[in-house]
Structure formats: structure tokens, C-alpha cells
Amino acid sequence: GFIESVLESLKTPGQDHAADQRQLLAKTLAKKLSIKRGKRLQQEEMDAMIENLFACKAPGVTPDSKPTMWVISFDELNKKFKI
């Protein structure tokens, strides 16, 4: 199933350039091999994940361009929680 889904992603129309296909393959692999929502991690796994995240070229977004984090000011927290 995993290999089939990767191969299907490479069949996407408009992906004629080898660089585009390599980037698409990397994104597909990253998404398929990612830790799924709800999985409980050990502290060492969480530390390694954060370390690896900040070692990336673009740690602020996922391969699908979704944000990985938000910066919230102390004032915003105060307003949200009425501290």
C-alpha cells in the first residue's frame, strides 16, 4: 500500500521535470512516514522530533505548506485565558 501510494503520487499530471518529481516524492515520503495524530511519544522521541524540525530548511511549515507552529505573545495568552 505504501509503495503504491508513492507511485500514484508520481503519476500526477504536470509533473514533467525530474526536480519536481523528486520534490513530490520527498513530500509524499515525509507525509506517509510521519507520526500519526494521537500516537503517544516518549520524551526522547519528542526531543528528537523538535531537534529534527529545527534542523530543516523551513521548520515553520509541513511538506503540504501547513504551519507547524504559531508564535503567541504573552498579551494574547492573557486575553485568551483572562489571567
PDB file of N, CA and C in Angstrom:
ATOM      1  N   GLY A   1       0.800  -1.195   0.000  1.00  0.00           N
ATOM      2  CA  GLY A   1       0.000   0.000   0.000  1.00  0.00           C
ATOM      3  C   GLY A   1       0.842   1.258   0.000  1.00  0.00           C
ATOM      4  N   PHE A   2       1.896   1.267   0.795  1.00  0.00           N
ATOM      5  CA  PHE A   2       2.738   2.455   0.888  1.00  0.00           C
ATOM      6  C   PHE A   2       3.412   2.745  -0.450  1.00  0.00           C
ATOM      7  N   ILE A   3       4.028   1.728  -1.037  1.00  0.00           N
ATOM      8  CA  ILE A   3       4.740   1.928  -2.305  1.00  0.00           C
ATOM      9  C   ILE A   3       3.764   2.310  -3.402  1.00  0.00           C
ATOM     10  N   GLU A   4       2.590   1.700  -3.399  1.00  0.00           N
ATOM     11  CA  GLU A   4       1.582   2.044  -4.396  1.00  0.00           C
ATOM     12  C   GLU A   4       1.167   3.501  -4.283  1.00  0.00           C
ATOM     13  N   SER A   5       0.985   3.993  -3.060  1.00  0.00           N
ATOM     14  CA  SER A   5       0.575   5.390  -2.888  1.00  0.00           C
ATOM     15  C   SER A   5       1.676   6.342  -3.333  1.00  0.00           C
ATOM     16  N   VAL A   6       2.936   5.968  -3.106  1.00  0.00           N
ATOM     17  CA  VAL A   6       4.055   6.802  -3.565  1.00  0.00           C
ATOM     18  C   VAL A   6       4.080   6.831  -5.088  1.00  0.00           C
ATOM     19  N   LEU A   7       3.939   5.671  -5.706  1.00  0.00           N
ATOM     20  CA  LEU A   7       3.939   5.619  -7.171  1.00  0.00           C
ATOM     21  C   LEU A   7       2.760   6.392  -7.754  1.00  0.00           C
ATOM     22  N   GLU A   8       1.600   6.312  -7.122  1.00  0.00           N
ATOM     23  CA  GLU A   8       0.429   7.067  -7.587  1.00  0.00           C
ATOM     24  C   GLU A   8       0.702   8.562  -7.544  1.00  0.00           C
ATOM     25  N   SER A   9       1.397   9.011  -6.498  1.00  0.00           N
ATOM     26  CA  SER A   9       1.673  10.447  -6.384  1.00  0.00           C
ATOM     27  C   SER A   9       2.588  10.920  -7.507  1.00  0.00           C
ATOM     28  N   LEU A  10       3.421  10.035  -8.020  1.00  0.00           N
ATOM     29  CA  LEU A  10       4.332  10.408  -9.109  1.00  0.00           C
ATOM     30  C   LEU A  10       3.624  10.463 -10.458  1.00  0.00           C
ATOM     31  N   LYS A  11       2.426   9.926 -10.543  1.00  0.00           N
ATOM     32  CA  LYS A  11       1.658   9.956 -11.780  1.00  0.00           C
ATOM     33  C   LYS A  11       0.901  11.265 -11.964  1.00  0.00           C
ATOM     34  N   THR A  12       1.018  12.171 -10.997  1.00  0.00           N
ATOM     35  CA  THR A  12       0.280  13.431 -11.033  1.00  0.00           C
ATOM     36  C   THR A  12       0.579  14.180 -12.332  1.00  0.00           C
ATOM     37  N   PRO A  13      -0.468  14.570 -13.073  1.00  0.00           N
ATOM     38  CA  PRO A  13      -0.248  15.321 -14.309  1.00  0.00           C
ATOM     39  C   PRO A  13       0.482  16.631 -14.043  1.00  0.00           C
ATOM     40  N   GLY A  14       1.315  17.027 -14.994  1.00  0.00           N
ATOM     41  CA  GLY A  14       2.022  18.292 -14.869  1.00  0.00           C
ATOM     42  C   GLY A  14       3.354  18.177 -14.152  1.00  0.00           C
ATOM     43  N   GLN A  15       3.719  16.993 -13.743  1.00  0.00           N
ATOM     44  CA  GLN A  15       4.987  16.784 -13.058  1.00  0.00           C
ATOM     45  C   GLN A  15       6.004  16.246 -14.061  1.00  0.00           C
ATOM     46  N   ASP A  16       6.393  17.066 -15.035  1.00  0.00           N
ATOM     47  CA  ASP A  16       7.282  16.613 -16.102  1.00  0.00           C
ATOM     48  C   ASP A  16       8.753  16.721 -15.739  1.00  0.00           C
ATOM     49  N   HIS A  17       9.113  17.611 -14.866  1.00  0.00           N
ATOM     50  CA  HIS A  17      10.515  17.849 -14.553  1.00  0.00           C
ATOM     51  C   HIS A  17      10.990  16.893 -13.462  1.00  0.00           C
ATOM     52  N   ALA A  18      12.216  16.410 -13.617  1.00  0.00           N
ATOM     53  CA  ALA A  18      12.786  15.462 -12.648  1.00  0.00           C
ATOM     54  C   ALA A  18      12.870  16.085 -11.259  1.00  0.00           C
ATOM     55  N   ALA A  19      13.227  17.372 -11.172  1.00  0.00           N
ATOM     56  CA  ALA A  19      13.324  18.043  -9.868  1.00  0.00           C
ATOM     57  C   ALA A  19      11.965  18.100  -9.198  1.00  0.00           C
ATOM     58  N   ASP A  20      10.919  18.383  -9.970  1.00  0.00           N
ATOM     59  CA  ASP A  20       9.569  18.413  -9.415  1.00  0.00           C
ATOM     60  C   ASP A  20       9.172  17.037  -8.904  1.00  0.00           C
ATOM     61  N   GLN A  21       9.539  16.001  -9.639  1.00  0.00           N
ATOM     62  CA  GLN A  21       9.197  14.641  -9.223  1.00  0.00           C
ATOM     63  C   GLN A  21       9.959  14.256  -7.962  1.00  0.00           C
ATOM     64  N   ARG A  22      11.219  14.656  -7.853  1.00  0.00           N
ATOM     65  CA  ARG A  22      11.984  14.359  -6.641  1.00  0.00           C
ATOM     66  C   ARG A  22      11.373  15.075  -5.441  1.00  0.00           C
ATOM     67  N   GLN A  23      10.977  16.326  -5.644  1.00  0.00           N
ATOM     68  CA  GLN A  23      10.369  17.080  -4.551  1.00  0.00           C
ATOM     69  C   GLN A  23       9.031  16.461  -4.150  1.00  0.00           C
ATOM     70  N   LEU A  24       8.236  16.060  -5.125  1.00  0.00           N
ATOM     71  CA  LEU A  24       6.958  15.418  -4.845  1.00  0.00           C
ATOM     72  C   LEU A  24       7.170  14.099  -4.112  1.00  0.00           C
ATOM     73  N   LEU A  25       8.173  13.330  -4.528  1.00  0.00           N
ATOM     74  CA  LEU A  25       8.482  12.067  -3.862  1.00  0.00           C
ATOM     75  C   LEU A  25       8.895  12.319  -2.415  1.00  0.00           C
ATOM     76  N   ALA A  26       9.738  13.315  -2.192  1.00  0.00           N
ATOM     77  CA  ALA A  26      10.179  13.638  -0.830  1.00  0.00           C
ATOM     78  C   ALA A  26       8.991  14.054   0.041  1.00  0.00           C
ATOM     79  N   LYS A  27       8.096  14.864  -0.498  1.00  0.00           N
ATOM     80  CA  LYS A  27       6.908  15.285   0.253  1.00  0.00           C
ATOM     81  C   LYS A  27       6.011  14.097   0.578  1.00  0.00           C
ATOM     82  N   THR A  28       5.817  13.226  -0.404  1.00  0.00           N
ATOM     83  CA  THR A  28       4.968  12.054  -0.203  1.00  0.00           C
ATOM     84  C   THR A  28       5.559  11.142   0.857  1.00  0.00           C
ATOM     85  N   LEU A  29       6.863  10.898   0.779  1.00  0.00           N
ATOM     86  CA  LEU A  29       7.521  10.056   1.779  1.00  0.00           C
ATOM     87  C   LEU A  29       7.407  10.665   3.167  1.00  0.00           C
ATOM     88  N   ALA A  30       7.637  11.968   3.257  1.00  0.00           N
ATOM     89  CA  ALA A  30       7.553  12.637   4.558  1.00  0.00           C
ATOM     90  C   ALA A  30       6.157  12.489   5.154  1.00  0.00           C
ATOM     91  N   LYS A  31       5.149  12.658   4.332  1.00  0.00           N
ATOM     92  CA  LYS A  31       3.774  12.564   4.827  1.00  0.00           C
ATOM     93  C   LYS A  31       3.419  11.139   5.229  1.00  0.00           C
ATOM     94  N   LYS A  32       3.799  10.161   4.412  1.00  0.00           N
ATOM     95  CA  LYS A  32       3.454   8.769   4.684  1.00  0.00           C
ATOM     96  C   LYS A  32       4.207   8.218   5.890  1.00  0.00           C
ATOM     97  N   LEU A  33       5.426   8.696   6.127  1.00  0.00           N
ATOM     98  CA  LEU A  33       6.248   8.182   7.211  1.00  0.00           C
ATOM     99  C   LEU A  33       6.124   9.007   8.493  1.00  0.00           C
ATOM    100  N   SER A  34       5.289  10.018   8.459  1.00  0.00           N
ATOM    101  CA  SER A  34       5.143  10.879   9.629  1.00  0.00           C
ATOM    102  C   SER A  34       4.439  10.157  10.775  1.00  0.00           C
ATOM    103  N   ILE A  35       4.605  10.692  11.960  1.00  0.00           N
ATOM    104  CA  ILE A  35       3.933  10.147  13.140  1.00  0.00           C
ATOM    105  C   ILE A  35       2.473  10.570  13.071  1.00  0.00           C
ATOM    106  N   LYS A  36       1.598   9.615  13.201  1.00  0.00           N
ATOM    107  CA  LYS A  36       0.174   9.896  13.058  1.00  0.00           C
ATOM    108  C   LYS A  36      -0.404  10.535  14.323  1.00  0.00           C
ATOM    109  N   ARG A  37      -1.418  11.349  14.124  1.00  0.00           N
ATOM    110  CA  ARG A  37      -2.095  12.043  15.216  1.00  0.00           C
ATOM    111  C   ARG A  37      -2.598  11.045  16.251  1.00  0.00           C
ATOM    112  N   GLY A  38      -2.391  11.373  17.512  1.00  0.00           N
ATOM    113  CA  GLY A  38      -2.885  10.541  18.593  1.00  0.00           C
ATOM    114  C   GLY A  38      -1.871   9.546  19.133  1.00  0.00           C
ATOM    115  N   LYS A  39      -0.752   9.364  18.432  1.00  0.00           N
ATOM    116  CA  LYS A  39       0.268   8.420  18.903  1.00  0.00           C
ATOM    117  C   LYS A  39       1.021   9.056  20.065  1.00  0.00           C
ATOM    118  N   ARG A  40       1.140   8.329  21.158  1.00  0.00           N
ATOM    119  CA  ARG A  40       1.870   8.831  22.326  1.00  0.00           C
ATOM    120  C   ARG A  40       3.354   8.577  22.144  1.00  0.00           C
ATOM    121  N   LEU A  41       4.141   9.605  22.399  1.00  0.00           N
ATOM    122  CA  LEU A  41       5.585   9.522  22.229  1.00  0.00           C
ATOM    123  C   LEU A  41       6.295   9.561  23.574  1.00  0.00           C
ATOM    124  N   GLN A  42       7.457   8.947  23.615  1.00  0.00           N
ATOM    125  CA  GLN A  42       8.330   9.038  24.778  1.00  0.00           C
ATOM    126  C   GLN A  42       9.031  10.393  24.735  1.00  0.00           C
ATOM    127  N   GLN A  43       9.542  10.861  25.872  1.00  0.00           N
ATOM    128  CA  GLN A  43      10.203  12.166  25.938  1.00  0.00           C
ATOM    129  C   GLN A  43      11.368  12.249  24.950  1.00  0.00           C
ATOM    130  N   GLU A  44      12.141  11.161  24.829  1.00  0.00           N
ATOM    131  CA  GLU A  44      13.284  11.154  23.911  1.00  0.00           C
ATOM    132  C   GLU A  44      12.830  11.329  22.463  1.00  0.00           C
ATOM    133  N   GLU A  45      11.698  10.726  22.114  1.00  0.00           N
ATOM    134  CA  GLU A  45      11.161  10.861  20.763  1.00  0.00           C
ATOM    135  C   GLU A  45      10.716  12.295  20.499  1.00  0.00           C
ATOM    136  N   MET A  46      10.078  12.910  21.494  1.00  0.00           N
ATOM    137  CA  MET A  46       9.635  14.300  21.334  1.00  0.00           C
ATOM    138  C   MET A  46      10.833  15.232  21.188  1.00  0.00           C
ATOM    139  N   ASP A  47      11.867  15.018  22.002  1.00  0.00           N
ATOM    140  CA  ASP A  47      13.072  15.852  21.915  1.00  0.00           C
ATOM    141  C   ASP A  47      13.729  15.715  20.546  1.00  0.00           C
ATOM    142  N   ALA A  48      13.824  14.482  20.051  1.00  0.00           N
ATOM    143  CA  ALA A  48      14.434  14.245  18.735  1.00  0.00           C
ATOM    144  C   ALA A  48      13.607  14.896  17.628  1.00  0.00           C
ATOM    145  N   MET A  49      12.279  14.844  17.759  1.00  0.00           N
ATOM    146  CA  MET A  49      11.410  15.438  16.747  1.00  0.00           C
ATOM    147  C   MET A  49      11.616  16.955  16.675  1.00  0.00           C
ATOM    148  N   ILE A  50      11.689  17.601  17.817  1.00  0.00           N
ATOM    149  CA  ILE A  50      11.895  19.050  17.849  1.00  0.00           C
ATOM    150  C   ILE A  50      13.270  19.407  17.296  1.00  0.00           C
ATOM    151  N   GLU A  51      14.276  18.634  17.678  1.00  0.00           N
ATOM    152  CA  GLU A  51      15.623  18.875  17.168  1.00  0.00           C
ATOM    153  C   GLU A  51      15.670  18.726  15.647  1.00  0.00           C
ATOM    154  N   ASN A  52      15.028  17.688  15.133  1.00  0.00           N
ATOM    155  CA  ASN A  52      14.989  17.474  13.685  1.00  0.00           C
ATOM    156  C   ASN A  52      14.183  18.551  12.975  1.00  0.00           C
ATOM    157  N   LEU A  53      13.111  19.006  13.594  1.00  0.00           N
ATOM    158  CA  LEU A  53      12.298  20.063  12.996  1.00  0.00           C
ATOM    159  C   LEU A  53      13.129  21.316  12.765  1.00  0.00           C
ATOM    160  N   PHE A  54      13.864  21.726  13.789  1.00  0.00           N
ATOM    161  CA  PHE A  54      14.638  22.963  13.656  1.00  0.00           C
ATOM    162  C   PHE A  54      15.905  22.790  12.837  1.00  0.00           C
ATOM    163  N   ALA A  55      16.234  21.551  12.455  1.00  0.00           N
ATOM    164  CA  ALA A  55      17.361  21.309  11.553  1.00  0.00           C
ATOM    165  C   ALA A  55      16.930  21.444  10.089  1.00  0.00           C
ATOM    166  N   CYS A  56      15.616  21.537   9.845  1.00  0.00           N
ATOM    167  CA  CYS A  56      15.082  21.667   8.480  1.00  0.00           C
ATOM    168  C   CYS A  56      15.337  23.062   7.922  1.00  0.00           C
ATOM    169  N   LYS A  57      15.276  23.165   6.598  1.00  0.00           N
ATOM    170  CA  LYS A  57      15.409  24.468   5.941  1.00  0.00           C
ATOM    171  C   LYS A  57      14.206  25.360   6.233  1.00  0.00           C
ATOM    172  N   ALA A  58      13.020  24.754   6.329  1.00  0.00           N
ATOM    173  CA  ALA A  58      11.792  25.518   6.569  1.00  0.00           C
ATOM    174  C   ALA A  58      11.030  24.875   7.719  1.00  0.00           C
ATOM    175  N   PRO A  59      11.469  25.086   8.966  1.00  0.00           N
ATOM    176  CA  PRO A  59      10.816  24.421  10.095  1.00  0.00           C
ATOM    177  C   PRO A  59       9.407  24.918  10.386  1.00  0.00           C
ATOM    178  N   GLY A  60       9.010  26.024   9.802  1.00  0.00           N
ATOM    179  CA  GLY A  60       7.706  26.606  10.105  1.00  0.00           C
ATOM    180  C   GLY A  60       6.535  26.013   9.355  1.00  0.00           C
ATOM    181  N   VAL A  61       6.807  25.132   8.363  1.00  0.00           N
ATOM    182  CA  VAL A  61       5.720  24.563   7.563  1.00  0.00           C
ATOM    183  C   VAL A  61       5.949  23.077   7.305  1.00  0.00           C
ATOM    184  N   THR A  62       4.838  22.358   7.094  1.00  0.00           N
ATOM    185  CA  THR A  62       4.888  20.939   6.745  1.00  0.00           C
ATOM    186  C   THR A  62       5.179  20.805   5.253  1.00  0.00           C
ATOM    187  N   PRO A  63       5.388  19.576   4.755  1.00  0.00           N
ATOM    188  CA  PRO A  63       5.558  19.396   3.310  1.00  0.00           C
ATOM    189  C   PRO A  63       4.349  19.875   2.504  1.00  0.00           C
ATOM    190  N   ASP A  64       3.177  19.935   3.135  1.00  0.00           N
ATOM    191  CA  ASP A  64       1.969  20.436   2.467  1.00  0.00           C
ATOM    192  C   ASP A  64       1.749  21.927   2.701  1.00  0.00           C
ATOM    193  N   SER A  65       2.770  22.611   3.228  1.00  0.00           N
ATOM    194  CA  SER A  65       2.731  24.056   3.500  1.00  0.00           C
ATOM    195  C   SER A  65       1.768  24.449   4.607  1.00  0.00           C
ATOM    196  N   LYS A  66       1.483  23.534   5.512  1.00  0.00           N
ATOM    197  CA  LYS A  66       0.670  23.862   6.682  1.00  0.00           C
ATOM    198  C   LYS A  66       1.612  24.293   7.804  1.00  0.00           C
ATOM    199  N   PRO A  67       1.189  25.220   8.660  1.00  0.00           N
ATOM    200  CA  PRO A  67       2.084  25.686   9.728  1.00  0.00           C
ATOM    201  C   PRO A  67       2.378  24.595  10.750  1.00  0.00           C
ATOM    202  N   THR A  68       3.616  24.573  11.247  1.00  0.00           N
ATOM    203  CA  THR A  68       3.995  23.616  12.287  1.00  0.00           C
ATOM    204  C   THR A  68       3.947  24.255  13.665  1.00  0.00           C
ATOM    205  N   MET A  69       3.877  25.578  13.714  1.00  0.00           N
ATOM    206  CA  MET A  69       3.858  26.275  14.999  1.00  0.00           C
ATOM    207  C   MET A  69       3.299  27.682  14.825  1.00  0.00           C
ATOM    208  N   TRP A  70       2.912  28.274  15.931  1.00  0.00           N
ATOM    209  CA  TRP A  70       2.462  29.660  15.971  1.00  0.00           C
ATOM    210  C   TRP A  70       3.198  30.353  17.104  1.00  0.00           C
ATOM    211  N   VAL A  71       3.491  31.622  16.902  1.00  0.00           N
ATOM    212  CA  VAL A  71       4.077  32.427  17.962  1.00  0.00           C
ATOM    213  C   VAL A  71       2.960  33.263  18.564  1.00  0.00           C
ATOM    214  N   ILE A  72       2.755  33.102  19.869  1.00  0.00           N
ATOM    215  CA  ILE A  72       1.679  33.803  20.564  1.00  0.00           C
ATOM    216  C   ILE A  72       2.311  34.647  21.663  1.00  0.00           C
ATOM    217  N   SER A  73       1.999  35.905  21.659  1.00  0.00           N
ATOM    218  CA  SER A  73       2.564  36.800  22.668  1.00  0.00           C
ATOM    219  C   SER A  73       1.918  36.558  24.033  1.00  0.00           C
ATOM    220  N   PHE A  74       2.586  37.010  25.058  1.00  0.00           N
ATOM    221  CA  PHE A  74       2.053  36.881  26.409  1.00  0.00           C
ATOM    222  C   PHE A  74       0.728  37.629  26.533  1.00  0.00           C
ATOM    223  N   ASP A  75       0.622  38.801  25.906  1.00  0.00           N
ATOM    224  CA  ASP A  75      -0.628  39.562  25.924  1.00  0.00           C
ATOM    225  C   ASP A  75      -1.787  38.769  25.306  1.00  0.00           C
ATOM    226  N   GLU A  76      -1.502  38.076  24.192  1.00  0.00           N
ATOM    227  CA  GLU A  76      -2.543  37.254  23.560  1.00  0.00           C
ATOM    228  C   GLU A  76      -2.982  36.126  24.497  1.00  0.00           C
ATOM    229  N   LEU A  77      -2.025  35.513  25.184  1.00  0.00           N
ATOM    230  CA  LEU A  77      -2.359  34.463  26.135  1.00  0.00           C
ATOM    231  C   LEU A  77      -3.221  35.013  27.261  1.00  0.00           C
ATOM    232  N   ASN A  78      -2.854  36.186  27.770  1.00  0.00           N
ATOM    233  CA  ASN A  78      -3.641  36.824  28.812  1.00  0.00           C
ATOM    234  C   ASN A  78      -5.078  37.035  28.382  1.00  0.00           C
ATOM    235  N   LYS A  79      -5.269  37.516  27.151  1.00  0.00           N
ATOM    236  CA  LYS A  79      -6.622  37.759  26.637  1.00  0.00           C
ATOM    237  C   LYS A  79      -7.401  36.458  26.489  1.00  0.00           C
ATOM    238  N   LYS A  80      -6.729  35.428  25.978  1.00  0.00           N
ATOM    239  CA  LYS A  80      -7.407  34.139  25.765  1.00  0.00           C
ATOM    240  C   LYS A  80      -7.829  33.477  27.056  1.00  0.00           C
ATOM    241  N   PHE A  81      -6.961  33.542  28.058  1.00  0.00           N
ATOM    242  CA  PHE A  81      -7.227  32.842  29.307  1.00  0.00           C
ATOM    243  C   PHE A  81      -7.640  33.764  30.449  1.00  0.00           C
ATOM    244  N   LYS A  82      -7.694  35.052  30.168  1.00  0.00           N
ATOM    245  CA  LYS A  82      -8.108  36.062  31.145  1.00  0.00           C
ATOM    246  C   LYS A  82      -7.359  35.879  32.465  1.00  0.00           C
ATOM    247  N   ILE A  83      -6.036  35.823  32.319  1.00  0.00           N
ATOM    248  CA  ILE A  83      -5.174  35.640  33.516  1.00  0.00           C
ATOM    249  C   ILE A  83      -5.063  36.944  34.264  1.00  0.00           C
TER     250      ILE A  83
END
